[in-house]
Amino acid sequence: MTISAIADDPLAPVEEIRARFPALHRTYNGRSVSYFDGPGGTQVPTDVVDAMTNYLFHHNANTHWLYPTSVETDVMLSAARAAAADFLNASSDEVSFGNNMTTIAFHVARALGRGWTADDEIIVTELDHHANVAPWREVARDRGLVVRTVRMHPDTGTLDWADLEAAFTPRTKLLAIGAASNALGTITDVAAATRLAHAAGALSFVDAVHYAAHGVMDVRAWDCDFLACSSYKFYGPHHGLLYGKRALLEALDVPKLAPAPNEAPERLETGTQNHEGIVGTGAAIDFLASLAPGGTRRQRLTNAMHALHARGDALVAQLWDGLRAIPGVTTYGPPPGSPRTPTVSFTVAGHDSDAVATALAARAVFASNGDFYATTILERIGHAHDGVVRAGCACYTTAGEVDRLLEAVDDIARG
C-alpha cells in the first residue's frame, strides 16, 4: 500500500510536510539526502528552530524574577509544559523537563531507591534500551536490590510475556519497560504490563523515547506511574521530559538544592533548565498537532499520530518486504501487521554494519548502525560483534526514498 492509497488520511501531503524541514534540501555526492536515521534523532522543522531563536533573541532570562524577560520566560516554559501535557494526556503539574531520558531515569531511580531496602526487586527486560536498564542496575548495586531480567524472543523480537508474568514477586518494587524497541521497532503492550505491575503492588516506569514519534501517547490509558521520552526523537531539540503521577512526584525523595522549588513538577528539575530546549519541545509538539485537523490540541495530536502510524505501516511494509526480497539480507523484529514502528534493522551477508552504512552514505542514504545502546538485543540476535543497520521512516519519508534505500542495499548485497 502506498501512502496515497491510505483511506481517510487527514494529514497534509508528505511534500507539504517536507517543505517545513530545511535539512531535506541537503545534497551529498551530488544527490539529495534521504534521512533514515530518525530512530537516532529526527530532523527539525523550521517551526522549532524559529521558536528557539525567538526565545534566545528576545526573551532569554532566568526564571521567577520580576523583570519582563524573566516573566516572559516563565510564561513560555508554562506554555511548553501545557503542550507536553497535551502530548502525553497528562496534567501540566505532572510534567517535568530534563536533559534527556537517560539523565531523567538515573535521577528518578536514585530518588526511588532511597525508599527501597535490601533484597527488594526491580524488573527490567532484554528488549529495552539500556537507558531503562542501567539506572536500575546502578541503584540496585547501591541499595543491595535484586534485578530480574525478562527474556525476549529473538526470532520475533517480542517480549516473552510468560516470563514477564513469572518475574513478579511480593518484593517487586518497579517494572522498567519500553513502549517500543529502538532497535527492532517492536511495540509492547505497556498498559497490560502496568496492570501486572500494579497487581503485584509495584510501580511502572515506561521508556517511550522510540514510541513517541510513531503512536498516540496516553499515560491515562496506560496508567503508568512514570514515563520518559526525548523530543529529539519527535522533531524537537535534544531535550527530555518526564511524566509522573502527581502524588508520586510529591513523595519522591529527590536531591535538591535549597531553596529551589520543591513542589511538583519543578521539584524534579535540578538546577537552571535548558529554557530554549523546553520552548523547542513545546514547538515540536505544536508542529505535530498542526499536521491534522481537530478541535483541541490533544484531539489534533491524536488525529495526527494515528495517521502518522498508518503511513508508517505502509512504509514499513514496503521496506520490510523489499529488504527480504534481496538475497543475503536478513531483517530482525516483528513483521508488518504486528504492533511495530516503521523501524527495521537488517544485515547484509558478507558485510559488517559499518561497511553497509558507509556504502549507503556514499549514495546519500543516511542510516545508523551498531547496537544503539540496545546491546542485549544485539547479543540475543547474534550480532553483538558487528552490529546491524537500522532504517527508520519519519513523517517526511516518502515511498520513493524507501525505493532508493532498497536499490542501494541491493547494489551492496550484489557486491
Protein backbone atom coordinates (compact mmCIF):
# COMPACT_ATOMS: atom_id res chain seq x y z
CA MET A 1 0.00 0.00 0.00
CA THR A 2 1.32 3.45 -0.86
CA ILE A 3 0.73 6.46 1.35
CA SER A 4 -1.62 7.97 -1.21
CA ALA A 5 -3.78 4.84 -1.02
CA ILE A 6 -4.47 5.10 2.72
CA ALA A 7 -8.17 5.75 3.21
CA ASP A 8 -9.30 8.77 5.23
CA ASP A 9 -5.76 10.10 5.73
CA PRO A 10 -6.25 13.54 7.33
CA LEU A 11 -2.60 14.59 7.17
CA ALA A 12 -1.11 17.16 4.87
CA PRO A 13 0.57 15.62 1.81
CA VAL A 14 4.07 14.43 2.56
CA GLU A 15 5.60 17.00 0.19
CA GLU A 16 3.98 19.81 2.20
CA ILE A 17 5.39 18.32 5.38
CA ARG A 18 8.84 18.01 3.80
CA ALA A 19 8.80 21.69 2.85
CA ARG A 20 8.93 22.53 6.58
CA PHE A 21 12.29 20.75 7.07
CA PRO A 22 15.33 22.70 5.82
CA ALA A 23 17.62 19.68 6.26
CA LEU A 24 15.83 17.93 3.41
CA HIS A 25 17.43 20.37 0.95
CA ARG A 26 20.87 18.93 1.71
CA THR A 27 22.80 17.14 -1.02
CA TYR A 28 25.74 14.76 -0.70
CA ASN A 29 27.88 13.39 -3.50
CA GLY A 30 25.61 15.20 -5.92
CA ARG A 31 22.41 13.58 -4.66
CA SER A 32 19.65 14.76 -2.34
CA VAL A 33 19.96 13.15 1.07
CA SER A 34 17.40 10.60 2.26
CA TYR A 35 17.34 10.53 6.06
CA PHE A 36 16.60 7.13 7.56
CA ASP A 37 18.32 8.00 10.86
CA GLY A 38 15.17 9.14 12.65
CA PRO A 39 15.36 6.41 15.34
CA GLY A 40 18.59 8.07 16.47
CA GLY A 41 17.20 11.59 16.11
CA THR A 42 14.82 13.16 13.61
CA GLN A 43 15.34 16.27 11.53
CA VAL A 44 13.83 19.51 12.84
CA PRO A 45 11.16 21.70 11.21
CA THR A 46 11.55 25.46 10.84
CA ASP A 47 8.79 25.93 13.45
CA VAL A 48 11.04 24.54 16.18
CA VAL A 49 14.15 26.49 15.18
CA ASP A 50 12.16 29.73 14.93
CA ALA A 51 10.65 29.22 18.39
CA MET A 52 14.05 28.59 19.96
CA THR A 53 15.67 31.52 18.14
CA ASN A 54 12.83 33.83 19.17
CA TYR A 55 13.29 32.83 22.80
CA LEU A 56 17.05 33.34 22.77
CA PHE A 57 16.91 36.64 20.88
CA HIS A 58 14.00 38.30 22.65
CA HIS A 59 13.15 36.60 25.97
CA ASN A 60 16.29 34.96 27.34
CA ALA A 61 16.42 35.13 31.16
CA ASN A 62 16.36 33.04 34.28
CA THR A 63 13.03 32.20 35.91
CA HIS A 64 10.87 33.55 38.73
CA TRP A 65 12.09 37.14 38.86
CA LEU A 66 10.16 40.34 38.40
CA TYR A 67 11.55 41.93 35.24
CA PRO A 68 9.87 41.41 31.84
CA THR A 69 12.15 38.84 30.21
CA SER A 70 12.05 36.64 33.31
CA VAL A 71 8.26 36.85 33.44
CA GLU A 72 8.13 36.05 29.71
CA THR A 73 10.39 33.05 30.27
CA ASP A 74 8.04 31.76 32.97
CA VAL A 75 5.09 32.12 30.60
CA MET A 76 6.87 30.36 27.74
CA LEU A 77 8.01 27.47 29.90
CA SER A 78 4.50 27.11 31.27
CA ALA A 79 3.14 27.01 27.71
CA ALA A 80 5.62 24.29 26.76
CA ARG A 81 4.65 22.30 29.85
CA ALA A 82 0.99 22.56 28.84
CA ALA A 83 1.86 21.35 25.33
CA ALA A 84 3.75 18.38 26.78
CA ALA A 85 0.78 17.59 29.00
CA ASP A 86 -1.49 17.50 25.94
CA PHE A 87 1.02 15.30 24.13
CA LEU A 88 1.04 12.79 26.99
CA ASN A 89 -2.63 13.18 28.02
CA ALA A 90 -1.49 14.33 31.45
CA SER A 91 -1.86 17.38 33.68
CA SER A 92 0.72 20.17 33.50
CA ASP A 93 1.74 19.60 37.11
CA GLU A 94 2.69 16.02 36.22
CA VAL A 95 5.24 17.03 33.55
CA SER A 96 8.84 17.97 34.24
CA PHE A 97 11.83 18.55 32.00
CA GLY A 98 15.40 17.30 31.99
CA ASN A 99 18.47 16.94 29.83
CA ASN A 100 17.40 13.64 28.24
CA MET A 101 15.61 10.41 29.09
CA THR A 102 18.80 8.73 30.33
CA THR A 103 19.62 11.50 32.80
CA ILE A 104 15.99 11.61 33.95
CA ALA A 105 15.93 7.83 34.52
CA PHE A 106 19.09 7.96 36.66
CA HIS A 107 17.57 10.83 38.68
CA VAL A 108 14.26 9.04 39.29
CA ALA A 109 15.98 5.73 40.05
CA ARG A 110 18.13 7.37 42.70
CA ALA A 111 15.12 9.03 44.30
CA LEU A 112 13.01 5.87 44.30
CA GLY A 113 15.90 3.78 45.59
CA ARG A 114 16.07 5.87 48.75
CA GLY A 115 12.79 4.27 49.78
CA TRP A 116 13.75 0.67 48.98
CA THR A 117 15.59 -1.82 51.16
CA ALA A 118 17.99 -4.68 50.53
CA ASP A 119 16.53 -7.61 48.55
CA ASP A 120 13.67 -5.54 47.12
CA GLU A 121 13.33 -6.33 43.42
CA ILE A 122 13.26 -4.47 40.10
CA ILE A 123 12.22 -5.99 36.77
CA VAL A 124 13.93 -4.97 33.51
CA THR A 125 13.73 -6.56 30.06
CA GLU A 126 16.09 -7.74 27.35
CA LEU A 127 14.07 -5.75 24.81
CA ASP A 128 14.90 -2.37 26.35
CA HIS A 129 17.39 0.35 25.50
CA HIS A 130 19.94 0.31 28.30
CA ALA A 131 18.82 3.79 29.41
CA ASN A 132 15.95 1.88 31.03
CA VAL A 133 18.23 -0.84 32.39
CA ALA A 134 21.47 0.74 33.61
CA PRO A 135 19.85 3.27 36.02
CA TRP A 136 18.03 0.44 37.79
CA ARG A 137 21.10 -1.77 37.93
CA GLU A 138 23.05 1.12 39.44
CA VAL A 139 20.50 1.77 42.18
CA ALA A 140 20.33 -1.98 42.80
CA ARG A 141 24.10 -2.04 43.30
CA ASP A 142 23.91 0.91 45.69
CA ARG A 143 20.97 -0.42 47.73
CA GLY A 144 21.52 -4.19 47.61
CA LEU A 145 18.47 -4.79 45.41
CA VAL A 146 17.71 -7.72 43.11
CA VAL A 147 17.27 -7.16 39.37
CA ARG A 148 15.22 -9.67 37.41
CA THR A 149 15.56 -9.64 33.61
CA VAL A 150 12.65 -10.70 31.38
CA ARG A 151 13.64 -12.55 28.24
CA MET A 152 12.80 -11.61 24.65
CA HIS A 153 12.08 -13.94 21.74
CA PRO A 154 14.98 -13.38 19.30
CA ASP A 155 13.04 -14.86 16.37
CA THR A 156 10.13 -12.41 16.65
CA GLY A 157 11.75 -9.54 18.53
CA THR A 158 8.95 -9.59 21.10
CA LEU A 159 8.85 -9.86 24.87
CA ASP A 160 8.42 -13.29 26.47
CA TRP A 161 5.12 -12.48 28.18
CA ALA A 162 5.04 -15.66 30.27
CA ASP A 163 8.49 -14.80 31.59
CA LEU A 164 7.26 -11.29 32.44
CA GLU A 165 4.29 -12.64 34.37
CA ALA A 166 6.54 -15.04 36.28
CA ALA A 167 9.02 -12.31 37.21
CA PHE A 168 6.80 -10.58 39.77
CA THR A 169 7.14 -11.49 43.44
CA PRO A 170 5.89 -9.90 46.67
CA ARG A 171 9.19 -7.97 46.80
CA THR A 172 8.88 -6.38 43.34
CA LYS A 173 9.05 -2.59 43.61
CA LEU A 174 9.20 -1.49 39.97
CA LEU A 175 8.84 -2.69 36.39
CA ALA A 176 11.01 -0.80 33.87
CA ILE A 177 9.64 -1.41 30.39
CA GLY A 178 9.85 0.15 26.94
CA ALA A 179 6.86 1.20 24.88
CA ALA A 180 8.77 0.36 21.68
CA SER A 181 12.18 -1.07 20.86
CA ASN A 182 14.55 1.43 19.28
CA ALA A 183 16.45 -1.44 17.63
CA LEU A 184 13.63 -3.62 16.31
CA GLY A 185 10.55 -1.40 16.26
CA THR A 186 8.56 -3.77 18.47
CA ILE A 187 5.63 -2.11 20.26
CA THR A 188 4.90 -3.63 23.67
CA ASP A 189 1.53 -3.51 25.43
CA VAL A 190 2.59 -1.24 28.30
CA ALA A 191 -0.96 -0.94 29.61
CA ALA A 192 -1.11 -4.71 30.15
CA ALA A 193 2.40 -4.70 31.63
CA THR A 194 1.44 -1.90 34.02
CA ARG A 195 -1.60 -3.89 35.14
CA LEU A 196 0.72 -6.77 36.03
CA ALA A 197 2.95 -4.40 38.00
CA HIS A 198 0.08 -2.83 39.91
CA ALA A 199 -1.43 -6.23 40.69
CA ALA A 200 1.89 -7.08 42.35
CA GLY A 201 1.96 -3.78 44.24
CA ALA A 202 4.79 -2.41 42.06
CA LEU A 203 5.31 0.79 40.09
CA SER A 204 5.91 1.07 36.33
CA PHE A 205 8.49 3.24 34.57
CA VAL A 206 7.99 3.46 30.79
CA ASP A 207 10.68 4.40 28.28
CA ALA A 208 8.68 5.98 25.43
CA VAL A 209 11.62 7.56 23.58
CA HIS A 210 11.27 5.48 20.43
CA TYR A 211 7.48 5.20 20.56
CA ALA A 212 6.77 8.93 20.89
CA ALA A 213 7.20 9.78 17.20
CA HIS A 214 5.05 6.92 15.98
CA GLY A 215 1.93 6.49 18.09
CA VAL A 216 -0.55 8.17 20.38
CA MET A 217 0.94 8.86 23.80
CA ASP A 218 -1.62 8.29 26.57
CA VAL A 219 -0.41 7.95 30.15
CA ARG A 220 -4.01 7.86 31.38
CA ALA A 221 -4.92 4.84 29.25
CA TRP A 222 -1.64 3.12 30.08
CA ASP A 223 -1.96 4.01 33.79
CA CYS A 224 1.84 4.05 34.06
CA ASP A 225 3.40 5.68 37.10
CA PHE A 226 6.32 7.30 35.29
CA LEU A 227 7.13 7.83 31.61
CA ALA A 228 10.12 9.49 30.00
CA CYS A 229 10.88 10.47 26.42
CA SER A 230 13.15 12.82 24.46
CA SER A 231 11.94 15.45 22.00
CA TYR A 232 14.82 14.99 19.55
CA LYS A 233 13.10 11.75 18.52
CA PHE A 234 9.88 13.61 17.61
CA TYR A 235 11.21 16.58 15.61
CA GLY A 236 12.41 18.69 18.53
CA PRO A 237 15.73 19.67 20.15
CA HIS A 238 17.91 17.46 22.30
CA HIS A 239 15.86 17.59 25.45
CA GLY A 240 13.91 15.22 27.70
CA LEU A 241 10.63 15.19 29.55
CA LEU A 242 9.16 13.13 32.36
CA TYR A 243 5.60 12.27 33.32
CA GLY A 244 4.88 11.17 36.87
CA LYS A 245 1.64 10.80 38.78
CA ARG A 246 1.43 13.87 40.98
CA ALA A 247 1.23 12.01 44.28
CA LEU A 248 4.34 10.04 43.37
CA LEU A 249 6.25 13.14 42.28
CA GLU A 250 5.42 14.82 45.57
CA ALA A 251 6.55 11.76 47.54
CA LEU A 252 9.86 11.23 45.73
CA ASP A 253 12.91 11.79 47.89
CA VAL A 254 14.77 13.79 45.25
CA PRO A 255 18.08 15.51 45.94
CA LYS A 256 17.51 19.27 45.76
CA LEU A 257 19.46 22.47 46.17
CA ALA A 258 17.67 24.57 48.78
CA PRO A 259 15.69 26.77 48.45
CA ALA A 260 14.84 25.66 44.89
CA PRO A 261 11.15 24.92 44.17
CA ASN A 262 10.20 21.67 45.88
CA GLU A 263 6.67 21.20 44.60
CA ALA A 264 5.57 19.15 41.59
CA PRO A 265 6.51 19.39 38.83
CA GLU A 266 9.56 21.61 39.35
CA ARG A 267 10.88 19.55 42.26
CA LEU A 268 12.18 17.04 39.67
CA GLU A 269 14.06 19.77 37.78
CA THR A 270 17.55 20.21 39.20
CA GLY A 271 19.33 23.49 38.56
CA THR A 272 18.73 26.00 35.79
CA GLN A 273 16.97 24.32 32.90
CA ASN A 274 17.63 24.45 29.16
CA HIS A 275 14.92 27.04 28.51
CA GLU A 276 15.36 27.17 24.76
CA GLY A 277 15.19 23.37 24.68
CA ILE A 278 11.94 23.39 26.62
CA VAL A 279 10.48 26.03 24.30
CA GLY A 280 11.62 23.95 21.32
CA THR A 281 10.00 20.85 22.78
CA GLY A 282 6.69 22.69 23.02
CA ALA A 283 7.11 23.87 19.43
CA ALA A 284 7.78 20.30 18.25
CA ILE A 285 4.53 19.19 19.86
CA ASP A 286 2.67 22.07 18.23
CA PHE A 287 4.24 21.07 14.91
CA LEU A 288 2.81 17.57 15.28
CA ALA A 289 -0.59 18.99 16.23
CA SER A 290 -0.51 21.18 13.10
CA LEU A 291 -0.40 18.15 10.82
CA ALA A 292 -4.04 17.13 11.32
CA PRO A 293 -7.41 18.82 11.86
CA GLY A 294 -9.34 18.71 15.10
CA GLY A 295 -10.63 20.81 17.94
CA THR A 296 -8.33 20.88 20.94
CA ARG A 297 -4.59 20.43 20.68
CA ARG A 298 -4.98 16.97 22.24
CA GLN A 299 -7.52 16.00 19.57
CA ARG A 300 -5.27 17.25 16.78
CA LEU A 301 -2.30 15.38 18.24
CA THR A 302 -4.32 12.18 18.49
CA ASN A 303 -5.53 12.51 14.90
CA ALA A 304 -2.03 13.26 13.64
CA MET A 305 -0.36 10.40 15.47
CA HIS A 306 -2.99 7.87 14.36
CA ALA A 307 -2.47 8.99 10.76
CA LEU A 308 1.33 9.00 11.03
CA HIS A 309 1.18 5.48 12.39
CA ALA A 310 -0.93 4.38 9.40
CA ARG A 311 1.53 5.99 6.99
CA GLY A 312 4.37 4.31 8.85
CA ASP A 313 2.68 0.93 8.49
CA ALA A 314 2.58 1.38 4.70
CA LEU A 315 6.23 2.40 4.56
CA VAL A 316 7.47 -0.38 6.83
CA ALA A 317 5.66 -3.00 4.74
CA GLN A 318 7.37 -1.65 1.62
CA LEU A 319 10.74 -1.55 3.40
CA TRP A 320 10.47 -4.97 5.07
CA ASP A 321 9.22 -6.81 2.00
CA GLY A 322 11.78 -5.10 -0.23
CA LEU A 323 14.70 -5.96 2.04
CA ARG A 324 13.64 -9.58 2.41
CA ALA A 325 13.48 -9.93 -1.35
CA ILE A 326 17.21 -9.12 -1.64
CA PRO A 327 19.45 -12.23 -1.48
CA GLY A 328 21.74 -12.15 1.54
CA VAL A 329 19.69 -9.63 3.53
CA THR A 330 18.24 -10.62 6.90
CA THR A 331 15.69 -8.48 8.76
CA TYR A 332 15.02 -8.56 12.51
CA GLY A 333 11.96 -7.88 14.61
CA PRO A 334 8.24 -8.35 14.08
CA PRO A 335 6.89 -8.39 10.51
CA PRO A 336 4.46 -5.81 9.08
CA GLY A 337 1.00 -6.20 10.51
CA SER A 338 2.39 -6.72 14.00
CA PRO A 339 2.43 -3.94 16.61
CA ARG A 340 5.56 -2.07 15.50
CA THR A 341 7.03 1.24 14.43
CA PRO A 342 8.43 1.90 10.92
CA THR A 343 11.96 0.98 12.03
CA VAL A 344 13.74 -2.03 10.54
CA SER A 345 17.15 -3.44 11.44
CA PHE A 346 18.92 -5.66 8.94
CA THR A 347 22.22 -7.23 7.97
CA VAL A 348 23.80 -7.96 4.60
CA ALA A 349 25.72 -11.23 4.29
CA GLY A 350 29.44 -10.72 3.84
CA HIS A 351 29.38 -7.10 5.01
CA ASP A 352 29.62 -5.78 8.55
CA SER A 353 27.26 -2.98 9.54
CA ASP A 354 29.97 -0.29 9.28
CA ALA A 355 30.62 -1.22 5.65
CA VAL A 356 26.92 -1.19 4.76
CA ALA A 357 26.23 2.15 6.47
CA THR A 358 29.29 3.70 4.80
CA ALA A 359 28.22 2.44 1.37
CA LEU A 360 24.70 3.77 1.92
CA ALA A 361 26.06 7.17 2.96
CA ALA A 362 28.11 7.33 -0.24
CA ARG A 363 24.76 7.08 -2.05
CA ALA A 364 23.33 9.91 0.14
CA VAL A 365 21.20 7.47 2.12
CA PHE A 366 21.84 8.19 5.80
CA ALA A 367 21.15 5.30 8.20
CA SER A 368 22.60 4.44 11.59
CA ASN A 369 24.31 1.20 12.54
CA GLY A 370 25.75 -0.56 15.56
CA ASP A 371 23.90 -1.54 18.73
CA PHE A 372 22.06 1.73 19.57
CA TYR A 373 22.55 1.05 23.31
CA ALA A 374 20.19 -1.92 22.91
CA THR A 375 23.17 -4.19 23.48
CA THR A 376 21.25 -7.11 24.94
CA ILE A 377 19.06 -7.31 21.84
CA LEU A 378 22.16 -7.43 19.63
CA GLU A 379 23.58 -10.23 21.77
CA ARG A 380 20.35 -12.21 21.54
CA ILE A 381 20.11 -11.93 17.74
CA GLY A 382 23.78 -12.83 17.34
CA HIS A 383 25.22 -9.51 16.15
CA ALA A 384 26.95 -8.09 19.22
CA HIS A 385 30.28 -8.22 17.33
CA ASP A 386 29.31 -6.48 14.09
CA GLY A 387 26.03 -4.67 14.75
CA VAL A 388 23.08 -4.17 12.44
CA VAL A 389 21.97 -1.39 10.10
CA ARG A 390 18.83 0.46 11.19
CA ALA A 391 16.49 2.27 8.81
CA GLY A 392 13.65 4.31 10.25
CA CYS A 393 10.84 6.14 8.47
CA ALA A 394 9.68 9.54 9.72
CA CYS A 395 6.85 11.94 8.88
CA TYR A 396 8.93 13.25 5.97
CA THR A 397 9.87 9.86 4.47
CA THR A 398 8.48 9.06 1.02
CA ALA A 399 7.87 5.78 -0.75
CA GLY A 400 10.39 6.92 -3.34
CA GLU A 401 13.05 7.25 -0.67
CA VAL A 402 12.33 3.72 0.52
CA ASP A 403 12.87 2.57 -3.08
CA ARG A 404 16.22 4.44 -3.08
CA LEU A 405 17.28 2.62 0.08
CA LEU A 406 16.25 -0.76 -1.32
CA GLU A 407 18.11 -0.13 -4.58
CA ALA A 408 21.24 0.84 -2.66
CA VAL A 409 21.10 -2.23 -0.39
CA ASP A 410 20.57 -4.44 -3.43
CA ASP A 411 23.70 -2.95 -5.04
CA ILE A 412 25.70 -3.57 -1.85
CA ALA A 413 24.43 -7.13 -1.50
CA ARG A 414 25.49 -7.87 -5.09
CA GLY A 415 28.97 -6.59 -4.31
